[in-house]
PDB file of N, CA and C in Angstrom:
ATOM      1  N   MET A   1     -45.181  16.400  19.664  1.00  0.00           N
ATOM      2  CA  MET A   1     -45.051  15.147  20.402  1.00  0.00           C
ATOM      3  C   MET A   1     -43.479  14.402  20.069  1.00  0.00           C
ATOM      4  N   ALA A   2     -43.187  13.653  20.807  1.00  0.00           N
ATOM      5  CA  ALA A   2     -41.664  13.319  20.746  1.00  0.00           C
ATOM      6  C   ALA A   2     -41.287  12.711  19.402  1.00  0.00           C
ATOM      7  N   ASP A   3     -40.368  12.986  18.438  1.00  0.00           N
ATOM      8  CA  ASP A   3     -40.233  12.418  17.139  1.00  0.00           C
ATOM      9  C   ASP A   3     -40.169  10.611  17.174  1.00  0.00           C
ATOM     10  N   HIS A   4     -39.948  10.365  18.710  1.00  0.00           N
ATOM     11  CA  HIS A   4     -39.727   8.814  18.495  1.00  0.00           C
ATOM     12  C   HIS A   4     -41.049   8.231  19.192  1.00  0.00           C
ATOM     13  N   ILE A   5     -42.113   8.982  18.975  1.00  0.00           N
ATOM     14  CA  ILE A   5     -43.402   8.153  19.572  1.00  0.00           C
ATOM     15  C   ILE A   5     -44.372   8.264  18.030  1.00  0.00           C
ATOM     16  N   LYS A   6     -44.833   7.276  18.051  1.00  0.00           N
ATOM     17  CA  LYS A   6     -45.957   6.990  16.878  1.00  0.00           C
ATOM     18  C   LYS A   6     -47.289   6.088  17.434  1.00  0.00           C
ATOM     19  N   ILE A   7     -48.440   6.979  17.238  1.00  0.00           N
ATOM     20  CA  ILE A   7     -49.436   6.125  17.827  1.00  0.00           C
ATOM     21  C   ILE A   7     -50.289   5.979  16.508  1.00  0.00           C
ATOM     22  N   THR A   8     -51.179   4.965  16.473  1.00  0.00           N
ATOM     23  CA  THR A   8     -51.860   4.456  15.183  1.00  0.00           C
ATOM     24  C   THR A   8     -53.010   3.486  15.965  1.00  0.00           C
ATOM     25  N   ASN A   9     -53.842   3.265  14.764  1.00  0.00           N
ATOM     26  CA  ASN A   9     -55.279   2.386  15.283  1.00  0.00           C
ATOM     27  C   ASN A   9     -54.431   1.191  14.903  1.00  0.00           C
ATOM     28  N   ALA A  10     -54.625   0.086  15.917  1.00  0.00           N
ATOM     29  CA  ALA A  10     -54.083  -1.293  16.124  1.00  0.00           C
ATOM     30  C   ALA A  10     -54.871  -2.376  15.090  1.00  0.00           C
ATOM     31  N   GLY A  11     -56.093  -1.753  14.922  1.00  0.00           N
ATOM     32  CA  GLY A  11     -56.876  -2.761  13.642  1.00  0.00           C
ATOM     33  C   GLY A  11     -57.210  -4.031  14.362  1.00  0.00           C
ATOM     34  N   GLY A  12     -58.342  -4.469  13.949  1.00  0.00           N
ATOM     35  CA  GLY A  12     -58.730  -5.564  14.316  1.00  0.00           C
ATOM     36  C   GLY A  12     -59.412  -5.514  15.814  1.00  0.00           C
ATOM     37  N   THR A  13     -59.572  -7.074  16.380  1.00  0.00           N
ATOM     38  CA  THR A  13     -60.289  -6.940  17.477  1.00  0.00           C
ATOM     39  C   THR A  13     -58.979  -7.251  18.611  1.00  0.00           C
ATOM     40  N   TRP A  14     -59.197  -6.748  19.765  1.00  0.00           N
ATOM     41  CA  TRP A  14     -57.888  -7.024  20.538  1.00  0.00           C
ATOM     42  C   TRP A  14     -58.429  -7.401  22.006  1.00  0.00           C
ATOM     43  N   VAL A  15     -58.315  -8.307  23.150  1.00  0.00           N
ATOM     44  CA  VAL A  15     -58.768  -8.617  24.269  1.00  0.00           C
ATOM     45  C   VAL A  15     -57.604  -8.602  25.314  1.00  0.00           C
ATOM     46  N   VAL A  16     -58.084  -8.547  26.615  1.00  0.00           N
ATOM     47  CA  VAL A  16     -57.034  -8.664  27.736  1.00  0.00           C
ATOM     48  C   VAL A  16     -57.866  -9.558  28.700  1.00  0.00           C
ATOM     49  N   ARG A  17     -57.122 -10.751  28.996  1.00  0.00           N
ATOM     50  CA  ARG A  17     -57.187 -11.724  29.766  1.00  0.00           C
ATOM     51  C   ARG A  17     -56.326 -11.729  31.346  1.00  0.00           C
ATOM     52  N   ALA A  18     -57.062 -12.063  32.366  1.00  0.00           N
ATOM     53  CA  ALA A  18     -56.525 -12.159  33.488  1.00  0.00           C
ATOM     54  C   ALA A  18     -57.266 -13.123  34.468  1.00  0.00           C
ATOM     55  N   GLY A  19     -56.625 -14.053  35.142  1.00  0.00           N
ATOM     56  CA  GLY A  19     -57.466 -14.948  36.043  1.00  0.00           C
ATOM     57  C   GLY A  19     -58.569 -15.745  35.314  1.00  0.00           C
ATOM     58  N   GLY A  20     -58.378 -15.743  33.916  1.00  0.00           N
ATOM     59  CA  GLY A  20     -59.371 -16.751  33.494  1.00  0.00           C
ATOM     60  C   GLY A  20     -60.839 -15.931  32.988  1.00  0.00           C
ATOM     61  N   ALA A  21     -60.224 -14.574  33.050  1.00  0.00           N
ATOM     62  CA  ALA A  21     -61.793 -13.983  32.922  1.00  0.00           C
ATOM     63  C   ALA A  21     -61.352 -12.789  31.579  1.00  0.00           C
ATOM     64  N   VAL A  22     -61.934 -12.548  30.696  1.00  0.00           N
ATOM     65  CA  VAL A  22     -61.620 -11.447  29.773  1.00  0.00           C
ATOM     66  C   VAL A  22     -61.913 -10.099  30.303  1.00  0.00           C
ATOM     67  N   ILE A  23     -61.094  -9.377  30.404  1.00  0.00           N
ATOM     68  CA  ILE A  23     -61.248  -7.725  31.184  1.00  0.00           C
ATOM     69  C   ILE A  23     -61.618  -6.669  30.511  1.00  0.00           C
ATOM     70  N   ALA A  24     -61.090  -7.203  29.352  1.00  0.00           N
ATOM     71  CA  ALA A  24     -61.496  -6.009  27.673  1.00  0.00           C
ATOM     72  C   ALA A  24     -61.492  -6.584  26.664  1.00  0.00           C
ATOM     73  N   GLU A  25     -62.271  -5.895  25.830  1.00  0.00           N
ATOM     74  CA  GLU A  25     -62.423  -6.438  24.206  1.00  0.00           C
ATOM     75  C   GLU A  25     -62.795  -5.187  23.547  1.00  0.00           C
ATOM     76  N   THR A  26     -61.844  -5.022  22.493  1.00  0.00           N
ATOM     77  CA  THR A  26     -62.063  -3.970  21.865  1.00  0.00           C
ATOM     78  C   THR A  26     -61.471  -3.787  20.103  1.00  0.00           C
ATOM     79  N   LYS A  27     -62.338  -2.955  19.519  1.00  0.00           N
ATOM     80  CA  LYS A  27     -62.036  -2.568  17.937  1.00  0.00           C
ATOM     81  C   LYS A  27     -61.414  -1.570  17.781  1.00  0.00           C
ATOM     82  N   GLN A  28     -61.100  -0.639  18.967  1.00  0.00           N
ATOM     83  CA  GLN A  28     -60.845   0.562  19.291  1.00  0.00           C
ATOM     84  C   GLN A  28     -59.308   0.664  19.676  1.00  0.00           C
ATOM     85  N   ALA A  29     -58.620   0.064  19.447  1.00  0.00           N
ATOM     86  CA  ALA A  29     -57.191  -0.243  20.493  1.00  0.00           C
ATOM     87  C   ALA A  29     -56.500   0.700  19.548  1.00  0.00           C
ATOM     88  N   LEU A  30     -55.399   1.269  20.124  1.00  0.00           N
ATOM     89  CA  LEU A  30     -54.009   2.099  19.832  1.00  0.00           C
ATOM     90  C   LEU A  30     -53.021   1.121  19.596  1.00  0.00           C
ATOM     91  N   GLU A  31     -52.390   1.289  18.769  1.00  0.00           N
ATOM     92  CA  GLU A  31     -50.763   1.151  19.218  1.00  0.00           C
ATOM     93  C   GLU A  31     -49.865   2.268  19.198  1.00  0.00           C
ATOM     94  N   LEU A  32     -49.017   2.085  20.292  1.00  0.00           N
ATOM     95  CA  LEU A  32     -47.954   3.314  20.691  1.00  0.00           C
ATOM     96  C   LEU A  32     -46.879   2.803  20.414  1.00  0.00           C
ATOM     97  N   LEU A  33     -45.767   2.976  19.313  1.00  0.00           N
ATOM     98  CA  LEU A  33     -44.503   2.547  19.057  1.00  0.00           C
ATOM     99  C   LEU A  33     -43.704   4.043  19.987  1.00  0.00           C
ATOM    100  N   GLU A  34     -42.909   3.181  20.433  1.00  0.00           N
ATOM    101  CA  GLU A  34     -41.930   4.271  20.969  1.00  0.00           C
ATOM    102  C   GLU A  34     -40.306   3.732  20.778  1.00  0.00           C
ATOM    103  N   GLY A  35     -39.491   4.781  20.200  1.00  0.00           N
ATOM    104  CA  GLY A  35     -38.153   4.163  19.941  1.00  0.00           C
ATOM    105  C   GLY A  35     -37.963   2.980  19.691  1.00  0.00           C
ATOM    106  N   ASP A  36     -36.990   2.381  20.480  1.00  0.00           N
ATOM    107  CA  ASP A  36     -36.644   0.628  20.372  1.00  0.00           C
ATOM    108  C   ASP A  36     -37.093  -0.224  20.912  1.00  0.00           C
ATOM    109  N   TYR A  37     -38.438   0.292  22.129  1.00  0.00           N
ATOM    110  CA  TYR A  37     -39.369  -0.604  22.692  1.00  0.00           C
ATOM    111  C   TYR A  37     -40.445  -1.445  21.415  1.00  0.00           C
ATOM    112  N   PRO A  38     -40.998  -2.392  22.477  1.00  0.00           N
ATOM    113  CA  PRO A  38     -41.909  -3.217  21.631  1.00  0.00           C
ATOM    114  C   PRO A  38     -43.397  -2.345  21.671  1.00  0.00           C
ATOM    115  N   PRO A  39     -44.035  -2.683  20.698  1.00  0.00           N
ATOM    116  CA  PRO A  39     -45.106  -2.037  20.461  1.00  0.00           C
ATOM    117  C   PRO A  39     -46.332  -1.980  21.893  1.00  0.00           C
ATOM    118  N   VAL A  40     -47.054  -1.103  22.055  1.00  0.00           N
ATOM    119  CA  VAL A  40     -48.116  -1.217  23.448  1.00  0.00           C
ATOM    120  C   VAL A  40     -49.389  -0.699  22.758  1.00  0.00           C
ATOM    121  N   ILE A  41     -50.299  -2.052  23.327  1.00  0.00           N
ATOM    122  CA  ILE A  41     -51.839  -1.497  23.047  1.00  0.00           C
ATOM    123  C   ILE A  41     -52.355  -0.742  23.967  1.00  0.00           C
ATOM    124  N   TYR A  42     -53.268   0.034  23.572  1.00  0.00           N
ATOM    125  CA  TYR A  42     -54.015   0.816  24.848  1.00  0.00           C
ATOM    126  C   TYR A  42     -55.412   0.547  24.356  1.00  0.00           C
ATOM    127  N   PHE A  43     -55.945   0.398  25.304  1.00  0.00           N
ATOM    128  CA  PHE A  43     -57.235  -0.073  25.321  1.00  0.00           C
ATOM    129  C   PHE A  43     -58.709   1.311  25.981  1.00  0.00           C
ATOM    130  N   PRO A  44     -59.597   1.454  24.861  1.00  0.00           N
ATOM    131  CA  PRO A  44     -60.109   2.643  25.517  1.00  0.00           C
ATOM    132  C   PRO A  44     -60.907   2.223  26.852  1.00  0.00           C
ATOM    133  N   LYS A  45     -60.852   2.968  28.252  1.00  0.00           N
ATOM    134  CA  LYS A  45     -61.601   2.577  29.420  1.00  0.00           C
ATOM    135  C   LYS A  45     -63.223   2.215  28.800  1.00  0.00           C
ATOM    136  N   GLU A  46     -63.809   2.655  28.269  1.00  0.00           N
ATOM    137  CA  GLU A  46     -65.175   2.222  28.210  1.00  0.00           C
ATOM    138  C   GLU A  46     -65.303   0.522  27.373  1.00  0.00           C
ATOM    139  N   ASP A  47     -63.999   0.227  26.933  1.00  0.00           N
ATOM    140  CA  ASP A  47     -64.208  -1.165  26.568  1.00  0.00           C
ATOM    141  C   ASP A  47     -63.607  -2.056  27.493  1.00  0.00           C
ATOM    142  N   ILE A  48     -63.532  -1.810  28.856  1.00  0.00           N
ATOM    143  CA  ILE A  48     -62.760  -2.425  29.637  1.00  0.00           C
ATOM    144  C   ILE A  48     -63.852  -2.634  30.939  1.00  0.00           C
ATOM    145  N   GLY A  49     -63.728  -3.638  31.811  1.00  0.00           N
ATOM    146  CA  GLY A  49     -64.411  -4.140  32.544  1.00  0.00           C
ATOM    147  C   GLY A  49     -63.930  -3.422  34.027  1.00  0.00           C
ATOM    148  N   MET A  50     -63.932  -2.107  33.954  1.00  0.00           N
ATOM    149  CA  MET A  50     -63.350  -1.358  35.261  1.00  0.00           C
ATOM    150  C   MET A  50     -63.691  -1.857  36.607  1.00  0.00           C
ATOM    151  N   ALA A  51     -64.766  -2.854  36.539  1.00  0.00           N
ATOM    152  CA  ALA A  51     -65.153  -3.421  38.063  1.00  0.00           C
ATOM    153  C   ALA A  51     -64.088  -4.516  38.453  1.00  0.00           C
ATOM    154  N   PHE A  52     -63.356  -5.060  37.193  1.00  0.00           N
ATOM    155  CA  PHE A  52     -61.766  -5.702  37.708  1.00  0.00           C
ATOM    156  C   PHE A  52     -60.729  -4.721  38.123  1.00  0.00           C
ATOM    157  N   LEU A  53     -60.999  -3.489  37.878  1.00  0.00           N
ATOM    158  CA  LEU A  53     -60.012  -2.803  37.986  1.00  0.00           C
ATOM    159  C   LEU A  53     -59.492  -1.909  39.268  1.00  0.00           C
ATOM    160  N   GLU A  54     -58.670  -1.888  39.940  1.00  0.00           N
ATOM    161  CA  GLU A  54     -58.580  -0.875  41.187  1.00  0.00           C
ATOM    162  C   GLU A  54     -57.413  -0.134  41.234  1.00  0.00           C
ATOM    163  N   THR A  55     -57.908   1.037  41.421  1.00  0.00           N
ATOM    164  CA  THR A  55     -56.536   2.000  41.309  1.00  0.00           C
ATOM    165  C   THR A  55     -55.217   1.643  42.378  1.00  0.00           C
ATOM    166  N   SER A  56     -54.298   1.525  41.762  1.00  0.00           N
ATOM    167  CA  SER A  56     -53.037   1.236  42.379  1.00  0.00           C
ATOM    168  C   SER A  56     -52.506   2.762  43.201  1.00  0.00           C
ATOM    169  N   GLU A  57     -51.598   2.640  44.092  1.00  0.00           N
ATOM    170  CA  GLU A  57     -51.013   3.611  44.747  1.00  0.00           C
ATOM    171  C   GLU A  57     -50.048   4.027  43.860  1.00  0.00           C
ATOM    172  N   THR A  58     -48.963   3.237  42.851  1.00  0.00           N
ATOM    173  CA  THR A  58     -48.203   3.649  42.018  1.00  0.00           C
ATOM    174  C   THR A  58     -48.314   4.480  41.048  1.00  0.00           C
ATOM    175  N   ASN A  59     -47.307   5.514  40.763  1.00  0.00           N
ATOM    176  CA  ASN A  59     -47.294   6.346  39.655  1.00  0.00           C
ATOM    177  C   ASN A  59     -45.874   6.271  39.141  1.00  0.00           C
ATOM    178  N   SER A  60     -45.917   6.908  38.053  1.00  0.00           N
ATOM    179  CA  SER A  60     -44.511   7.211  37.210  1.00  0.00           C
ATOM    180  C   SER A  60     -44.652   8.312  36.255  1.00  0.00           C
ATOM    181  N   HIS A  61     -43.541   8.997  36.059  1.00  0.00           N
ATOM    182  CA  HIS A  61     -43.372   9.768  35.028  1.00  0.00           C
ATOM    183  C   HIS A  61     -42.948   9.425  33.873  1.00  0.00           C
ATOM    184  N   CYS A  62     -43.315   9.990  32.707  1.00  0.00           N
ATOM    185  CA  CYS A  62     -42.545   9.839  31.383  1.00  0.00           C
ATOM    186  C   CYS A  62     -42.343  11.097  31.123  1.00  0.00           C
ATOM    187  N   PRO A  63     -41.022  11.456  30.345  1.00  0.00           N
ATOM    188  CA  PRO A  63     -40.841  12.912  30.193  1.00  0.00           C
ATOM    189  C   PRO A  63     -41.968  13.181  28.793  1.00  0.00           C
ATOM    190  N   TYR A  64     -41.976  11.931  28.198  1.00  0.00           N
ATOM    191  CA  TYR A  64     -42.614  12.306  26.697  1.00  0.00           C
ATOM    192  C   TYR A  64     -44.447  12.474  26.850  1.00  0.00           C
ATOM    193  N   LYS A  65     -44.840  11.546  27.691  1.00  0.00           N
ATOM    194  CA  LYS A  65     -46.055  10.758  27.868  1.00  0.00           C
ATOM    195  C   LYS A  65     -46.964  11.496  29.252  1.00  0.00           C
ATOM    196  N   GLY A  66     -46.139  11.711  30.254  1.00  0.00           N
ATOM    197  CA  GLY A  66     -46.462  12.853  31.455  1.00  0.00           C
ATOM    198  C   GLY A  66     -46.488  11.671  32.454  1.00  0.00           C
ATOM    199  N   ASP A  67     -47.497  11.854  33.147  1.00  0.00           N
ATOM    200  CA  ASP A  67     -48.023  11.164  34.563  1.00  0.00           C
ATOM    201  C   ASP A  67     -48.806   9.840  34.565  1.00  0.00           C
ATOM    202  N   ALA A  68     -48.127   8.775  34.690  1.00  0.00           N
ATOM    203  CA  ALA A  68     -49.027   7.612  34.555  1.00  0.00           C
ATOM    204  C   ALA A  68     -49.856   7.274  35.941  1.00  0.00           C
ATOM    205  N   THR A  69     -50.761   6.634  35.815  1.00  0.00           N
ATOM    206  CA  THR A  69     -51.809   6.200  37.148  1.00  0.00           C
ATOM    207  C   THR A  69     -51.551   4.553  36.833  1.00  0.00           C
ATOM    208  N   TYR A  70     -51.695   3.781  37.797  1.00  0.00           N
ATOM    209  CA  TYR A  70     -51.454   2.577  37.749  1.00  0.00           C
ATOM    210  C   TYR A  70     -52.771   1.505  37.966  1.00  0.00           C
ATOM    211  N   TYR A  71     -52.850   0.560  37.148  1.00  0.00           N
ATOM    212  CA  TYR A  71     -54.157  -0.357  38.060  1.00  0.00           C
ATOM    213  C   TYR A  71     -54.089  -1.853  37.946  1.00  0.00           C
ATOM    214  N   SER A  72     -54.295  -2.213  39.104  1.00  0.00           N
ATOM    215  CA  SER A  72     -54.324  -3.689  39.270  1.00  0.00           C
ATOM    216  C   SER A  72     -55.633  -4.314  39.156  1.00  0.00           C
ATOM    217  N   ILE A  73     -55.431  -5.746  38.765  1.00  0.00           N
ATOM    218  CA  ILE A  73     -56.677  -6.279  38.470  1.00  0.00           C
ATOM    219  C   ILE A  73     -56.590  -7.560  39.665  1.00  0.00           C
ATOM    220  N   GLN A  74     -58.121  -7.371  39.949  1.00  0.00           N
ATOM    221  CA  GLN A  74     -58.689  -8.093  40.934  1.00  0.00           C
ATOM    222  C   GLN A  74     -59.448  -9.333  40.105  1.00  0.00           C
ATOM    223  N   THR A  75     -58.984 -10.541  40.528  1.00  0.00           N
ATOM    224  CA  THR A  75     -59.308 -11.991  39.932  1.00  0.00           C
ATOM    225  C   THR A  75     -60.000 -12.423  41.142  1.00  0.00           C
ATOM    226  N   LYS A  76     -61.030 -13.537  40.769  1.00  0.00           N
ATOM    227  CA  LYS A  76     -61.545 -14.004  41.855  1.00  0.00           C
ATOM    228  C   LYS A  76     -60.356 -14.669  42.954  1.00  0.00           C
ATOM    229  N   SER A  77     -59.369 -15.008  42.652  1.00  0.00           N
ATOM    230  CA  SER A  77     -58.301 -15.607  43.556  1.00  0.00           C
ATOM    231  C   SER A  77     -57.286 -14.464  44.318  1.00  0.00           C
ATOM    232  N   THR A  78     -56.992 -13.530  43.301  1.00  0.00           N
ATOM    233  CA  THR A  78     -55.717 -13.023  43.734  1.00  0.00           C
ATOM    234  C   THR A  78     -55.944 -11.233  43.136  1.00  0.00           C
ATOM    235  N   LEU A  79     -54.760 -10.565  43.443  1.00  0.00           N
ATOM    236  CA  LEU A  79     -54.698  -9.296  43.044  1.00  0.00           C
ATOM    237  C   LEU A  79     -53.770  -9.247  42.123  1.00  0.00           C
ATOM    238  N   ILE A  80     -53.755  -8.851  41.133  1.00  0.00           N
ATOM    239  CA  ILE A  80     -52.434  -8.859  40.185  1.00  0.00           C
ATOM    240  C   ILE A  80     -52.076  -7.193  40.167  1.00  0.00           C
ATOM    241  N   LYS A  81     -51.103  -6.816  40.977  1.00  0.00           N
ATOM    242  CA  LYS A  81     -50.811  -5.624  41.097  1.00  0.00           C
ATOM    243  C   LYS A  81     -49.911  -4.932  40.203  1.00  0.00           C
ATOM    244  N   ASP A  82     -50.478  -3.689  39.917  1.00  0.00           N
ATOM    245  CA  ASP A  82     -49.642  -2.803  38.965  1.00  0.00           C
ATOM    246  C   ASP A  82     -49.925  -3.470  37.353  1.00  0.00           C
ATOM    247  N   ALA A  83     -50.887  -4.088  37.168  1.00  0.00           N
ATOM    248  CA  ALA A  83     -51.059  -5.029  35.894  1.00  0.00           C
ATOM    249  C   ALA A  83     -51.382  -3.856  34.425  1.00  0.00           C
ATOM    250  N   GLY A  84     -51.537  -2.535  34.999  1.00  0.00           N
ATOM    251  CA  GLY A  84     -51.824  -1.781  33.523  1.00  0.00           C
ATOM    252  C   GLY A  84     -51.725  -0.315  34.217  1.00  0.00           C
ATOM    253  N   TRP A  85     -51.730   0.851  33.166  1.00  0.00           N
ATOM    254  CA  TRP A  85     -51.609   1.997  33.398  1.00  0.00           C
ATOM    255  C   TRP A  85     -52.123   2.728  32.494  1.00  0.00           C
ATOM    256  N   SER A  86     -52.290   4.205  32.577  1.00  0.00           N
ATOM    257  CA  SER A  86     -52.860   5.335  31.899  1.00  0.00           C
ATOM    258  C   SER A  86     -52.524   6.210  32.346  1.00  0.00           C
ATOM    259  N   TYR A  87     -52.327   7.456  30.885  1.00  0.00           N
ATOM    260  CA  TYR A  87     -52.015   8.626  31.048  1.00  0.00           C
ATOM    261  C   TYR A  87     -53.287   9.605  31.252  1.00  0.00           C
ATOM    262  N   ASP A  88     -53.617   9.828  32.328  1.00  0.00           N
ATOM    263  CA  ASP A  88     -55.068  10.710  32.319  1.00  0.00           C
ATOM    264  C   ASP A  88     -54.768  12.211  31.926  1.00  0.00           C
ATOM    265  N   ALA A  89     -53.904  12.578  31.788  1.00  0.00           N
ATOM    266  CA  ALA A  89     -53.402  14.072  31.419  1.00  0.00           C
ATOM    267  C   ALA A  89     -52.210  13.967  30.577  1.00  0.00           C
ATOM    268  N   PRO A  90     -51.944  13.125  29.258  1.00  0.00           N
ATOM    269  CA  PRO A  90     -51.096  13.030  28.534  1.00  0.00           C
ATOM    270  C   PRO A  90     -50.450  14.364  28.214  1.00  0.00           C
ATOM    271  N   LYS A  91     -49.479  14.327  27.653  1.00  0.00           N
ATOM    272  CA  LYS A  91     -48.695  15.514  27.084  1.00  0.00           C
ATOM    273  C   LYS A  91     -49.135  15.627  25.838  1.00  0.00           C
ATOM    274  N   PRO A  92     -49.355  17.151  24.988  1.00  0.00           N
ATOM    275  CA  PRO A  92     -49.731  17.150  23.613  1.00  0.00           C
ATOM    276  C   PRO A  92     -48.754  16.641  22.812  1.00  0.00           C
ATOM    277  N   GLY A  93     -49.750  16.127  21.711  1.00  0.00           N
ATOM    278  CA  GLY A  93     -49.079  15.332  20.943  1.00  0.00           C
ATOM    279  C   GLY A  93     -49.245  13.492  20.995  1.00  0.00           C
ATOM    280  N   VAL A  94     -49.625  13.535  22.097  1.00  0.00           N
ATOM    281  CA  VAL A  94     -49.794  11.806  22.627  1.00  0.00           C
ATOM    282  C   VAL A  94     -51.089  11.643  23.113  1.00  0.00           C
ATOM    283  N   ASP A  95     -51.881  12.750  23.537  1.00  0.00           N
ATOM    284  CA  ASP A  95     -53.238  12.942  23.863  1.00  0.00           C
ATOM    285  C   ASP A  95     -54.333  12.000  23.423  1.00  0.00           C
ATOM    286  N   ALA A  96     -53.923  11.224  22.017  1.00  0.00           N
ATOM    287  CA  ALA A  96     -54.837  10.112  21.625  1.00  0.00           C
ATOM    288  C   ALA A  96     -54.951   8.907  22.800  1.00  0.00           C
ATOM    289  N   ILE A  97     -54.102   9.058  23.468  1.00  0.00           N
ATOM    290  CA  ILE A  97     -54.090   7.632  24.814  1.00  0.00           C
ATOM    291  C   ILE A  97     -54.668   7.913  25.857  1.00  0.00           C
ATOM    292  N   LYS A  98     -55.351   9.484  26.086  1.00  0.00           N
ATOM    293  CA  LYS A  98     -56.055  10.018  26.977  1.00  0.00           C
ATOM    294  C   LYS A  98     -57.070   8.724  27.261  1.00  0.00           C
ATOM    295  N   ALA A  99     -57.774   8.626  28.452  1.00  0.00           N
ATOM    296  CA  ALA A  99     -58.995   7.340  28.582  1.00  0.00           C
ATOM    297  C   ALA A  99     -58.675   6.250  27.795  1.00  0.00           C
ATOM    298  N   HIS A 100     -57.330   5.570  27.909  1.00  0.00           N
ATOM    299  CA  HIS A 100     -56.984   4.612  27.852  1.00  0.00           C
ATOM    300  C   HIS A 100     -56.021   4.137  28.563  1.00  0.00           C
ATOM    301  N   ILE A 101     -56.086   2.516  28.618  1.00  0.00           N
ATOM    302  CA  ILE A 101     -55.043   1.860  29.736  1.00  0.00           C
ATOM    303  C   ILE A 101     -54.429   0.571  28.757  1.00  0.00           C
ATOM    304  N   ALA A 102     -53.355   0.780  29.181  1.00  0.00           N
ATOM    305  CA  ALA A 102     -52.285  -0.754  28.377  1.00  0.00           C
ATOM    306  C   ALA A 102     -51.797  -1.282  29.624  1.00  0.00           C
ATOM    307  N   PHE A 103     -51.500  -2.786  29.094  1.00  0.00           N
ATOM    308  CA  PHE A 103     -51.572  -3.761  30.670  1.00  0.00           C
ATOM    309  C   PHE A 103     -50.290  -4.229  29.793  1.00  0.00           C
ATOM    310  N   TYR A 104     -49.325  -4.719  31.140  1.00  0.00           N
ATOM    311  CA  TYR A 104     -48.148  -5.610  30.898  1.00  0.00           C
ATOM    312  C   TYR A 104     -48.576  -6.798  30.528  1.00  0.00           C
ATOM    313  N   SER A 105     -47.694  -7.287  29.580  1.00  0.00           N
ATOM    314  CA  SER A 105     -47.941  -8.855  29.270  1.00  0.00           C
ATOM    315  C   SER A 105     -47.435  -9.873  30.214  1.00  0.00           C
ATOM    316  N   GLN A 106     -47.021  -9.376  30.954  1.00  0.00           N
ATOM    317  CA  GLN A 106     -45.994 -10.644  32.081  1.00  0.00           C
ATOM    318  C   GLN A 106     -47.428 -10.724  33.008  1.00  0.00           C
ATOM    319  N   LYS A 107     -48.205  -9.624  33.223  1.00  0.00           N
ATOM    320  CA  LYS A 107     -49.363  -9.496  34.206  1.00  0.00           C
ATOM    321  C   LYS A 107     -50.603 -10.018  33.572  1.00  0.00           C
ATOM    322  N   ALA A 108     -50.838  -9.452  32.373  1.00  0.00           N
ATOM    323  CA  ALA A 108     -52.286 -10.011  31.739  1.00  0.00           C
ATOM    324  C   ALA A 108     -51.993 -10.573  30.445  1.00  0.00           C
ATOM    325  N   THR A 109     -52.746 -11.131  29.395  1.00  0.00           N
ATOM    326  CA  THR A 109     -52.370 -11.462  28.463  1.00  0.00           C
ATOM    327  C   THR A 109     -53.400 -10.817  27.618  1.00  0.00           C
ATOM    328  N   VAL A 110     -52.415  -9.870  26.787  1.00  0.00           N
ATOM    329  CA  VAL A 110     -53.166  -9.331  25.236  1.00  0.00           C
ATOM    330  C   VAL A 110     -52.913  -9.908  24.312  1.00  0.00           C
ATOM    331  N   GLU A 111     -53.960  -9.708  23.663  1.00  0.00           N
ATOM    332  CA  GLU A 111     -53.553 -10.476  22.319  1.00  0.00           C
ATOM    333  C   GLU A 111     -54.810 -10.021  21.193  1.00  0.00           C
ATOM    334  N   LYS A 112     -54.293 -10.301  19.889  1.00  0.00           N
ATOM    335  CA  LYS A 112     -55.369  -9.528  18.807  1.00  0.00           C
ATOM    336  C   LYS A 112     -55.709 -10.764  18.226  1.00  0.00           C
ATOM    337  N   LEU A 113     -57.272 -10.897  18.327  1.00  0.00           N
ATOM    338  CA  LEU A 113     -57.940 -11.963  18.120  1.00  0.00           C
ATOM    339  C   LEU A 113     -58.165 -12.364  16.438  1.00  0.00           C
TER     340      LEU A 113
END
């Protein structure tokens, strides 16, 4: 793993809300710290209402984490495009985030209860 990335258990109960609905709730969230970036909370897919998510055509590549797949959130009234991302085959050393999704705070509310 890159020396500037640290993954730990986030502790407590975390939720994701969008469009007035709870999209995810977990006690198994992971916190990823990378360099000077703000912490990112990753939610296990098993604790996410995947019926709210649609796989996007957007992809990106991180030299430290690998290739990211993006997800849009379908609410009752709108599609929130590219609201979250995951690394389905993360690079060695960051494989703890496999089968997890993180969400942009500008597109969904991510909070600790």
